Amino acid sequence: WARRSALATLPARIVWGEADPTFGAPDLARLVEALPRAIVTKLPGVGHFTAEEAAPALLDAVRSLR
């Protein structure tokens, strides 16, 4: 975290399960602070295991980076 400024200029995609019981809104805010250029895709009703719970939506988000 101390070296997060090195990441600030990098493009990024954050795919966020909004129903994650482990990581909540404050954690997303912290990621966005570290990665201000990030494009955030929030997935309602998706929990901690995004790849298992919403594979098609995750793939769509990743594919849109092209």
N, C-alpha and C. Protein backbone atom coordinates (compact mmCIF):
# COMPACT_ATOMS: atom_id res chain seq x y z
N TRP A 1 0.83 -1.19 0.00
CA TRP A 1 0.00 0.00 0.00
C TRP A 1 0.86 1.25 0.00
N ALA A 2 2.00 1.17 0.69
CA ALA A 2 2.89 2.33 0.79
C ALA A 2 3.41 2.77 -0.59
N ARG A 3 3.47 1.85 -1.54
CA ARG A 3 3.99 2.17 -2.87
C ARG A 3 2.88 2.25 -3.93
N ARG A 4 1.66 2.52 -3.51
CA ARG A 4 0.53 2.53 -4.43
C ARG A 4 0.64 3.58 -5.52
N SER A 5 1.39 4.64 -5.28
CA SER A 5 1.51 5.69 -6.29
C SER A 5 2.14 5.15 -7.58
N ALA A 6 2.91 4.08 -7.49
CA ALA A 6 3.50 3.48 -8.68
C ALA A 6 2.43 2.87 -9.59
N LEU A 7 1.27 2.58 -9.02
CA LEU A 7 0.19 1.98 -9.80
C LEU A 7 -0.80 3.00 -10.35
N ALA A 8 -0.74 4.20 -9.85
CA ALA A 8 -1.77 5.22 -10.13
C ALA A 8 -1.94 5.54 -11.61
N THR A 9 -0.90 5.39 -12.40
CA THR A 9 -1.01 5.75 -13.82
C THR A 9 -1.36 4.56 -14.71
N LEU A 10 -1.46 3.38 -14.13
CA LEU A 10 -1.74 2.20 -14.93
C LEU A 10 -3.23 2.04 -15.19
N PRO A 11 -3.59 1.60 -16.39
CA PRO A 11 -5.00 1.30 -16.63
C PRO A 11 -5.36 0.03 -15.85
N ALA A 12 -6.58 -0.06 -15.41
CA ALA A 12 -7.00 -1.22 -14.64
C ALA A 12 -8.50 -1.44 -14.79
N ARG A 13 -8.92 -2.65 -14.52
CA ARG A 13 -10.34 -3.01 -14.50
C ARG A 13 -10.59 -3.68 -13.16
N ILE A 14 -11.59 -3.21 -12.45
CA ILE A 14 -12.00 -3.82 -11.19
C ILE A 14 -13.40 -4.38 -11.41
N VAL A 15 -13.54 -5.68 -11.22
CA VAL A 15 -14.85 -6.32 -11.32
C VAL A 15 -15.24 -6.68 -9.89
N TRP A 16 -16.31 -6.06 -9.41
CA TRP A 16 -16.64 -6.08 -7.99
C TRP A 16 -17.98 -6.74 -7.73
N GLY A 17 -17.97 -7.81 -6.97
CA GLY A 17 -19.21 -8.44 -6.53
C GLY A 17 -19.79 -7.65 -5.36
N GLU A 18 -20.93 -7.03 -5.57
CA GLU A 18 -21.50 -6.16 -4.54
C GLU A 18 -22.03 -6.92 -3.32
N ALA A 19 -22.21 -8.22 -3.43
CA ALA A 19 -22.71 -9.01 -2.29
C ALA A 19 -21.59 -9.76 -1.58
N ASP A 20 -20.37 -9.33 -1.78
CA ASP A 20 -19.22 -9.98 -1.15
C ASP A 20 -19.28 -9.77 0.36
N PRO A 21 -19.33 -10.86 1.13
CA PRO A 21 -19.40 -10.72 2.58
C PRO A 21 -18.05 -10.38 3.22
N THR A 22 -16.99 -10.49 2.45
CA THR A 22 -15.65 -10.26 2.98
C THR A 22 -15.16 -8.85 2.72
N PHE A 23 -15.37 -8.36 1.50
CA PHE A 23 -14.90 -7.03 1.11
C PHE A 23 -16.10 -6.17 0.76
N GLY A 24 -16.16 -4.99 1.35
CA GLY A 24 -17.30 -4.10 1.14
C GLY A 24 -16.92 -2.80 0.47
N ALA A 25 -17.83 -1.87 0.54
CA ALA A 25 -17.66 -0.56 -0.12
C ALA A 25 -16.38 0.16 0.30
N PRO A 26 -15.98 0.13 1.59
CA PRO A 26 -14.72 0.80 1.95
C PRO A 26 -13.50 0.18 1.25
N ASP A 27 -13.55 -1.13 1.03
CA ASP A 27 -12.43 -1.79 0.34
C ASP A 27 -12.38 -1.38 -1.13
N LEU A 28 -13.54 -1.28 -1.75
CA LEU A 28 -13.58 -0.82 -3.15
C LEU A 28 -13.08 0.61 -3.24
N ALA A 29 -13.49 1.45 -2.31
CA ALA A 29 -13.03 2.85 -2.32
C ALA A 29 -11.51 2.92 -2.20
N ARG A 30 -10.96 2.05 -1.41
CA ARG A 30 -9.49 2.03 -1.24
C ARG A 30 -8.80 1.61 -2.55
N LEU A 31 -9.37 0.63 -3.22
CA LEU A 31 -8.81 0.20 -4.51
C LEU A 31 -8.89 1.33 -5.54
N VAL A 32 -10.02 1.99 -5.58
CA VAL A 32 -10.20 3.09 -6.54
C VAL A 32 -9.23 4.23 -6.22
N GLU A 33 -8.97 4.44 -4.96
CA GLU A 33 -7.98 5.46 -4.57
C GLU A 33 -6.59 5.08 -5.10
N ALA A 34 -6.26 3.81 -5.01
CA ALA A 34 -4.94 3.36 -5.47
C ALA A 34 -4.86 3.28 -6.98
N LEU A 35 -6.00 3.03 -7.62
CA LEU A 35 -6.05 2.86 -9.07
C LEU A 35 -7.06 3.84 -9.66
N PRO A 36 -6.74 5.12 -9.67
CA PRO A 36 -7.72 6.13 -10.09
C PRO A 36 -8.14 6.01 -11.55
N ARG A 37 -7.36 5.33 -12.37
CA ARG A 37 -7.73 5.16 -13.78
C ARG A 37 -8.57 3.91 -14.01
N ALA A 38 -8.86 3.19 -12.95
CA ALA A 38 -9.58 1.93 -13.08
C ALA A 38 -11.01 2.14 -13.55
N ILE A 39 -11.46 1.23 -14.37
CA ILE A 39 -12.85 1.14 -14.75
C ILE A 39 -13.46 0.10 -13.82
N VAL A 40 -14.51 0.50 -13.12
CA VAL A 40 -15.13 -0.39 -12.14
C VAL A 40 -16.43 -0.94 -12.72
N THR A 41 -16.55 -2.24 -12.67
CA THR A 41 -17.78 -2.92 -13.04
C THR A 41 -18.32 -3.57 -11.77
N LYS A 42 -19.48 -3.12 -11.33
CA LYS A 42 -20.10 -3.68 -10.13
C LYS A 42 -21.14 -4.71 -10.56
N LEU A 43 -21.10 -5.86 -9.90
CA LEU A 43 -22.02 -6.93 -10.22
C LEU A 43 -22.97 -7.15 -9.04
N PRO A 44 -24.20 -6.68 -9.15
CA PRO A 44 -25.17 -6.84 -8.07
C PRO A 44 -25.48 -8.32 -7.82
N GLY A 45 -25.61 -8.68 -6.57
CA GLY A 45 -25.96 -10.05 -6.21
C GLY A 45 -24.82 -11.04 -6.30
N VAL A 46 -23.64 -10.59 -6.68
CA VAL A 46 -22.48 -11.47 -6.81
C VAL A 46 -21.62 -11.31 -5.57
N GLY A 47 -21.15 -12.45 -5.05
CA GLY A 47 -20.37 -12.43 -3.82
C GLY A 47 -18.87 -12.44 -4.06
N HIS A 48 -18.17 -13.16 -3.23
CA HIS A 48 -16.71 -13.15 -3.20
C HIS A 48 -16.07 -13.90 -4.38
N PHE A 49 -16.74 -14.91 -4.89
CA PHE A 49 -16.16 -15.74 -5.94
C PHE A 49 -16.75 -15.38 -7.30
N THR A 50 -16.38 -14.21 -7.78
CA THR A 50 -16.95 -13.66 -9.00
C THR A 50 -16.81 -14.61 -10.18
N ALA A 51 -15.66 -15.23 -10.34
CA ALA A 51 -15.44 -16.11 -11.48
C ALA A 51 -16.38 -17.32 -11.46
N GLU A 52 -16.75 -17.77 -10.29
CA GLU A 52 -17.67 -18.91 -10.18
C GLU A 52 -19.13 -18.47 -10.23
N GLU A 53 -19.42 -17.32 -9.65
CA GLU A 53 -20.80 -16.88 -9.52
C GLU A 53 -21.32 -16.13 -10.75
N ALA A 54 -20.44 -15.49 -11.46
CA ALA A 54 -20.86 -14.65 -12.59
C ALA A 54 -19.83 -14.68 -13.71
N ALA A 55 -19.44 -15.88 -14.11
CA ALA A 55 -18.40 -16.02 -15.14
C ALA A 55 -18.70 -15.24 -16.41
N PRO A 56 -19.92 -15.31 -16.96
CA PRO A 56 -20.18 -14.55 -18.20
C PRO A 56 -19.98 -13.04 -18.03
N ALA A 57 -20.44 -12.49 -16.91
CA ALA A 57 -20.28 -11.04 -16.67
C ALA A 57 -18.81 -10.69 -16.49
N LEU A 58 -18.07 -11.53 -15.82
CA LEU A 58 -16.63 -11.30 -15.65
C LEU A 58 -15.93 -11.33 -17.01
N LEU A 59 -16.25 -12.31 -17.81
CA LEU A 59 -15.65 -12.40 -19.15
C LEU A 59 -16.00 -11.18 -20.00
N ASP A 60 -17.24 -10.72 -19.93
CA ASP A 60 -17.63 -9.53 -20.68
C ASP A 60 -16.80 -8.32 -20.26
N ALA A 61 -16.58 -8.18 -18.95
CA ALA A 61 -15.80 -7.05 -18.45
C ALA A 61 -14.35 -7.13 -18.93
N VAL A 62 -13.78 -8.31 -18.91
CA VAL A 62 -12.39 -8.48 -19.34
C VAL A 62 -12.28 -8.28 -20.85
N ARG A 63 -13.21 -8.84 -21.58
CA ARG A 63 -13.18 -8.70 -23.05
C ARG A 63 -13.33 -7.26 -23.50
N SER A 64 -14.04 -6.46 -22.72
CA SER A 64 -14.25 -5.07 -23.11
C SER A 64 -12.98 -4.24 -23.03
N LEU A 65 -11.92 -4.80 -22.49
CA LEU A 65 -10.64 -4.08 -22.41
C LEU A 65 -9.95 -4.02 -23.77
N ARG A 66 -10.33 -4.86 -24.68
CA ARG A 66 -9.66 -4.92 -25.99
C ARG A 66 -9.89 -3.67 -26.78
